[in-house]
């Protein structure tokens, strides 16, 4: 996550997903906050009245959240703290410490503080929001700073095993090396192998404007009654979300 993305269609989709699936849970978002970059226009699809069609479609889905997003864009500076000033999640908690810091031990300490924050808030749902998603096989070739764009498998495991956590949601960016469907199926197969018998793995695609997907790890004893109606949420004439239920389905 970068502050410059605050209030865009990605945030709207993330919070819409969390509100729909977990209306009564305490939800902690771990921002994995990365310094703002300037080399592209990511974050420009903002949910505000000036983007007429996008705003209208979002407002139809969730009027209150759309209006809060519009209010956020009246501020002079985009920053994730605005989601606390204007609480889009009634039961939301946010760990906003920068993922980038000095020294090799910084990230280890960052993780310890994020875990403690989650436990302190007795969060049954945790959403990890790294800038690009989960670490790729080539992550070791990246600089220390660029590695901060990714959540590691070790970090995912640390959050999953917390006693208070029932569901773990992980943001994943689509790359350009293969199709979206292939990437989602690969992620489902990988996590079903890693968490065999420990988690039910669900892959959820955010469809409109800028596609991305989420990996949902649910401890088996906590079923989701709200998952079946997720695909009924409409953005204009199309489903806002699509669920991949098996590696041979989509």
Protein backbone atom coordinates (compact mmCIF):
# COMPACT_ATOMS: atom_id res chain seq x y z
CA UNK A 1 0.00 0.00 0.00
CA UNK A 2 1.06 3.57 -0.71
CA UNK A 3 -0.60 6.69 0.65
CA UNK A 4 -1.22 7.94 -2.88
CA UNK A 5 -3.65 5.04 -3.45
CA UNK A 6 -5.91 6.12 -0.58
CA UNK A 7 -9.55 6.16 -1.65
CA UNK A 8 -9.13 4.53 -5.07
CA UNK A 9 -11.20 1.70 -6.56
CA UNK A 10 -8.83 -0.85 -5.00
CA UNK A 11 -9.54 0.41 -1.50
CA UNK A 12 -13.25 0.49 -2.25
CA UNK A 13 -13.21 -3.12 -3.41
CA UNK A 14 -11.13 -4.27 -0.44
CA UNK A 15 -13.44 -2.66 2.11
CA UNK A 16 -16.55 -3.79 0.23
CA UNK A 17 -15.23 -7.36 0.40
CA UNK A 18 -14.43 -7.14 4.11
CA UNK A 19 -17.77 -5.51 4.98
CA UNK A 20 -19.72 -8.14 3.07
CA UNK A 21 -17.87 -11.20 4.33
CA UNK A 22 -17.27 -10.10 7.92
CA UNK A 23 -20.02 -7.69 9.05
CA UNK A 24 -19.65 -8.50 12.75
CA UNK A 25 -15.92 -9.22 13.10
CA UNK A 26 -13.12 -6.99 14.30
CA UNK A 27 -10.94 -6.52 11.21
CA UNK A 28 -7.31 -5.45 11.32
CA UNK A 29 -5.74 -4.17 8.11
CA UNK A 30 -1.95 -4.43 7.94
CA UNK A 31 -1.07 -1.75 5.43
CA UNK A 32 2.53 -2.76 4.57
CA UNK A 33 2.88 0.99 3.99
CA UNK A 34 5.44 1.71 1.27
CA UNK A 35 6.81 5.17 0.30
CA UNK A 36 4.87 6.95 -2.46
CA UNK A 37 6.29 6.49 -5.96
CA UNK A 38 5.87 8.89 -8.88
CA UNK A 39 6.74 6.82 -11.98
CA UNK A 40 3.12 5.89 -12.83
CA UNK A 41 -0.47 7.01 -12.34
CA UNK A 42 -1.58 4.13 -10.12
CA UNK A 43 -4.24 5.26 -7.67
CA UNK A 44 -5.89 7.64 -10.16
CA UNK A 45 -9.19 5.72 -10.29
CA UNK A 46 -10.58 7.54 -7.27
CA UNK A 47 -14.04 6.99 -5.80
CA UNK A 48 -15.29 10.60 -5.78
CA UNK A 49 -18.02 12.60 -7.47
CA UNK A 50 -15.64 13.95 -10.11
CA UNK A 51 -15.24 10.43 -11.54
CA UNK A 52 -18.91 10.35 -12.45
CA UNK A 53 -19.44 6.84 -13.81
CA UNK A 54 -17.12 5.11 -11.34
CA UNK A 55 -18.65 6.97 -8.41
CA UNK A 56 -22.21 6.24 -9.52
CA UNK A 57 -21.52 2.51 -9.82
CA UNK A 58 -19.82 2.41 -6.41
CA UNK A 59 -22.56 4.50 -4.81
CA UNK A 60 -25.17 2.00 -6.00
CA UNK A 61 -23.26 -0.77 -4.21
CA UNK A 62 -22.56 1.06 -0.95
CA UNK A 63 -23.83 4.66 -0.65
CA UNK A 64 -22.35 5.36 2.78
CA UNK A 65 -18.88 4.09 1.95
CA UNK A 66 -18.87 5.95 -1.38
CA UNK A 67 -19.79 9.19 0.37
CA UNK A 68 -17.04 8.68 2.93
CA UNK A 69 -14.56 8.11 0.10
CA UNK A 70 -15.78 11.29 -1.58
CA UNK A 71 -15.23 13.18 1.69
CA UNK A 72 -11.71 11.75 1.96
CA UNK A 73 -10.90 13.27 -1.43
CA UNK A 74 -11.85 16.72 -0.16
CA UNK A 75 -8.78 16.58 2.06
CA UNK A 76 -5.56 18.18 0.87
CA UNK A 77 -3.41 15.08 1.30
CA UNK A 78 -4.18 11.40 0.67
CA UNK A 79 -3.12 9.23 3.59
CA UNK A 80 -4.29 5.90 5.01
CA UNK A 81 -5.01 7.58 8.37
CA UNK A 82 -8.08 9.13 6.73
CA UNK A 83 -9.78 5.72 6.93
CA UNK A 84 -9.71 6.21 10.70
CA UNK A 85 -10.87 9.82 10.53
CA UNK A 86 -13.73 8.72 8.26
CA UNK A 87 -14.39 5.13 9.43
CA UNK A 88 -15.39 3.14 6.37
CA UNK A 89 -15.25 -0.03 8.49
CA UNK A 90 -17.24 0.28 11.69
CA UNK A 91 -15.15 -2.50 13.21
CA UNK A 92 -11.86 -1.65 11.49
CA UNK A 93 -8.41 -1.39 13.04
CA UNK A 94 -5.30 -0.33 11.10
CA UNK A 95 -1.60 -1.00 11.53
CA UNK A 96 0.00 1.84 9.57
CA UNK A 97 3.68 1.68 10.49
CA UNK A 98 5.94 1.95 7.43
CA UNK A 99 7.26 -1.38 6.16
CA UNK A 100 10.51 0.34 5.11
CA UNK A 101 13.02 1.18 7.83
CA UNK A 102 16.72 1.21 8.67
CA UNK A 103 18.69 -1.89 9.55
CA UNK A 104 18.29 -5.59 8.89
CA UNK A 105 16.28 -6.11 12.06
CA UNK A 106 13.68 -3.45 11.28
CA UNK A 107 11.29 -5.74 9.44
CA UNK A 108 11.48 -8.40 12.13
CA UNK A 109 10.53 -5.76 14.68
CA UNK A 110 7.82 -4.43 12.36
CA UNK A 111 6.27 -7.90 12.19
CA UNK A 112 6.40 -8.33 15.97
CA UNK A 113 4.63 -5.00 16.44
CA UNK A 114 2.01 -5.84 13.80
CA UNK A 115 1.28 -9.19 15.46
CA UNK A 116 1.02 -7.56 18.89
CA UNK A 117 -1.36 -4.94 17.46
CA UNK A 118 -3.56 -7.69 16.01
CA UNK A 119 -3.68 -9.59 19.30
CA UNK A 120 -4.31 -6.44 21.33
CA UNK A 121 -7.40 -5.73 19.20
CA UNK A 122 -8.60 -9.37 19.39
CA UNK A 123 -8.98 -9.33 15.62
CA UNK A 124 -10.75 -12.36 14.15
CA UNK A 125 -10.04 -11.13 10.60
CA UNK A 126 -6.72 -9.82 9.30
CA UNK A 127 -6.20 -8.27 5.87
CA UNK A 128 -2.62 -8.05 4.62
CA UNK A 129 -2.23 -5.29 2.04
CA UNK A 130 1.31 -5.36 0.61
CA UNK A 131 2.01 -3.12 -2.38
CA UNK A 132 2.40 -5.99 -4.87
CA UNK A 133 1.20 -9.06 -2.98
CA UNK A 134 3.12 -12.17 -1.96
CA UNK A 135 6.86 -12.56 -2.47
CA UNK A 136 7.79 -14.07 -5.87
CA UNK A 137 10.50 -16.67 -6.36
CA UNK A 138 12.83 -13.90 -7.54
CA UNK A 139 12.41 -11.74 -4.43
CA UNK A 140 16.00 -12.33 -3.26
CA UNK A 141 17.26 -10.54 -6.40
CA UNK A 142 15.47 -7.34 -5.38
CA UNK A 143 16.89 -4.58 -3.23
CA UNK A 144 15.97 -4.51 0.46
CA UNK A 145 13.56 -1.63 -0.20
CA UNK A 146 11.87 -3.33 -3.17
CA UNK A 147 11.43 -6.50 -1.12
CA UNK A 148 9.18 -4.40 1.12
CA UNK A 149 6.55 -4.41 -1.62
CA UNK A 150 5.76 -8.02 -0.76
CA UNK A 151 4.42 -10.05 2.15
CA UNK A 152 6.51 -13.13 2.90
CA UNK A 153 5.18 -16.63 3.43
CA UNK A 154 6.71 -16.54 6.90
CA UNK A 155 4.73 -13.40 7.76
CA UNK A 156 1.53 -14.95 6.44
CA UNK A 157 2.08 -17.98 8.65
CA UNK A 158 2.73 -15.84 11.74
CA UNK A 159 -0.60 -14.04 11.29
CA UNK A 160 -2.51 -17.22 10.48
CA UNK A 161 -1.46 -19.06 13.63
CA UNK A 162 -2.56 -16.29 15.99
CA UNK A 163 -5.24 -17.75 18.27
CA UNK A 164 -7.61 -14.82 17.74
CA UNK A 165 -7.47 -15.01 13.93
CA UNK A 166 -10.18 -16.96 12.14
CA UNK A 167 -9.72 -15.59 8.60
CA UNK A 168 -6.71 -14.13 6.80
CA UNK A 169 -7.17 -12.08 3.61
CA UNK A 170 -4.13 -11.34 1.41
CA UNK A 171 -4.00 -8.87 -1.47
CA UNK A 172 -2.36 -10.08 -4.69
CA UNK A 173 -1.35 -8.00 -7.72
CA UNK A 174 -1.67 -9.58 -11.18
CA UNK A 175 1.59 -9.81 -13.15
CA UNK A 176 1.90 -10.01 -16.95
CA UNK A 177 3.67 -13.35 -17.38
CA UNK A 178 0.50 -15.47 -17.68
CA UNK A 179 -3.28 -15.15 -17.62
CA UNK A 180 -5.26 -13.99 -14.61
CA UNK A 181 -7.00 -17.35 -14.38
CA UNK A 182 -3.69 -19.21 -14.42
CA UNK A 183 -2.33 -17.02 -11.62
CA UNK A 184 -5.40 -17.56 -9.45
CA UNK A 185 -5.35 -21.31 -9.97
CA UNK A 186 -1.63 -21.44 -9.17
CA UNK A 187 -2.18 -19.47 -5.95
CA UNK A 188 -5.04 -21.73 -4.88
CA UNK A 189 -3.03 -24.89 -5.54
CA UNK A 190 0.01 -23.51 -3.71
CA UNK A 191 -1.90 -22.48 -0.60
CA UNK A 192 -3.94 -25.68 -0.51
CA UNK A 193 -0.63 -27.54 -0.43
CA UNK A 194 0.90 -25.25 2.20
CA UNK A 195 -2.20 -25.25 4.43
CA UNK A 196 -3.57 -28.72 3.80
CA UNK A 197 -5.96 -29.59 6.62
CA UNK A 198 -5.34 -26.23 8.29
CA UNK A 199 -7.24 -23.78 6.08
CA UNK A 200 -10.00 -23.54 3.53
CA UNK A 201 -8.53 -21.59 0.61
CA UNK A 202 -10.75 -19.24 -1.41
CA UNK A 203 -9.59 -17.07 -4.31
CA UNK A 204 -11.64 -13.94 -5.00
CA UNK A 205 -11.11 -11.74 -8.07
CA UNK A 206 -11.89 -8.01 -7.94
CA UNK A 207 -13.16 -7.37 -11.45
CA UNK A 208 -13.88 -3.70 -12.25
CA UNK A 209 -11.50 -0.99 -13.50
CA UNK A 210 -8.23 -2.53 -12.27
CA UNK A 211 -8.36 -6.27 -11.65
CA UNK A 212 -6.61 -7.85 -8.70
CA UNK A 213 -7.36 -10.83 -6.46
CA UNK A 214 -7.47 -11.85 -2.83
CA UNK A 215 -6.44 -15.08 -1.16
CA UNK A 216 -8.70 -15.96 1.76
CA UNK A 217 -7.42 -18.48 4.31
CA UNK A 218 -10.17 -19.60 6.70
CA UNK A 219 -9.59 -21.94 9.61
CA UNK A 220 -11.84 -24.98 8.95
CA UNK A 221 -13.97 -24.53 12.07
CA UNK A 222 -15.10 -21.05 10.93
CA UNK A 223 -17.49 -21.33 8.00
CA UNK A 224 -18.52 -18.32 5.92
CA UNK A 225 -22.24 -17.98 5.31
CA UNK A 226 -21.72 -14.73 3.39
CA UNK A 227 -19.45 -16.12 0.66
CA UNK A 228 -22.27 -17.51 -1.49
CA UNK A 229 -23.82 -14.06 -2.01
CA UNK A 230 -20.56 -12.26 -2.81
CA UNK A 231 -20.97 -12.62 -6.57
CA UNK A 232 -24.40 -10.96 -6.39
CA UNK A 233 -22.71 -7.59 -5.82
CA UNK A 234 -22.93 -5.78 -9.16
CA UNK A 235 -20.76 -3.05 -10.65
CA UNK A 236 -22.98 -1.71 -13.46
CA UNK A 237 -24.01 -4.91 -15.29
CA UNK A 238 -21.15 -7.15 -14.14
CA UNK A 239 -20.20 -8.92 -10.94
CA UNK A 240 -17.84 -6.90 -8.77
CA UNK A 241 -16.28 -10.14 -7.48
CA UNK A 242 -15.77 -13.60 -8.93
CA UNK A 243 -14.92 -16.63 -6.79
CA UNK A 244 -12.61 -19.42 -7.92
CA UNK A 245 -13.88 -22.49 -6.07
CA UNK A 246 -11.52 -25.11 -7.47
CA UNK A 247 -8.39 -25.33 -9.61
CA UNK A 248 -10.55 -26.77 -12.40
CA UNK A 249 -13.30 -24.15 -12.13
CA UNK A 250 -13.78 -20.50 -12.96
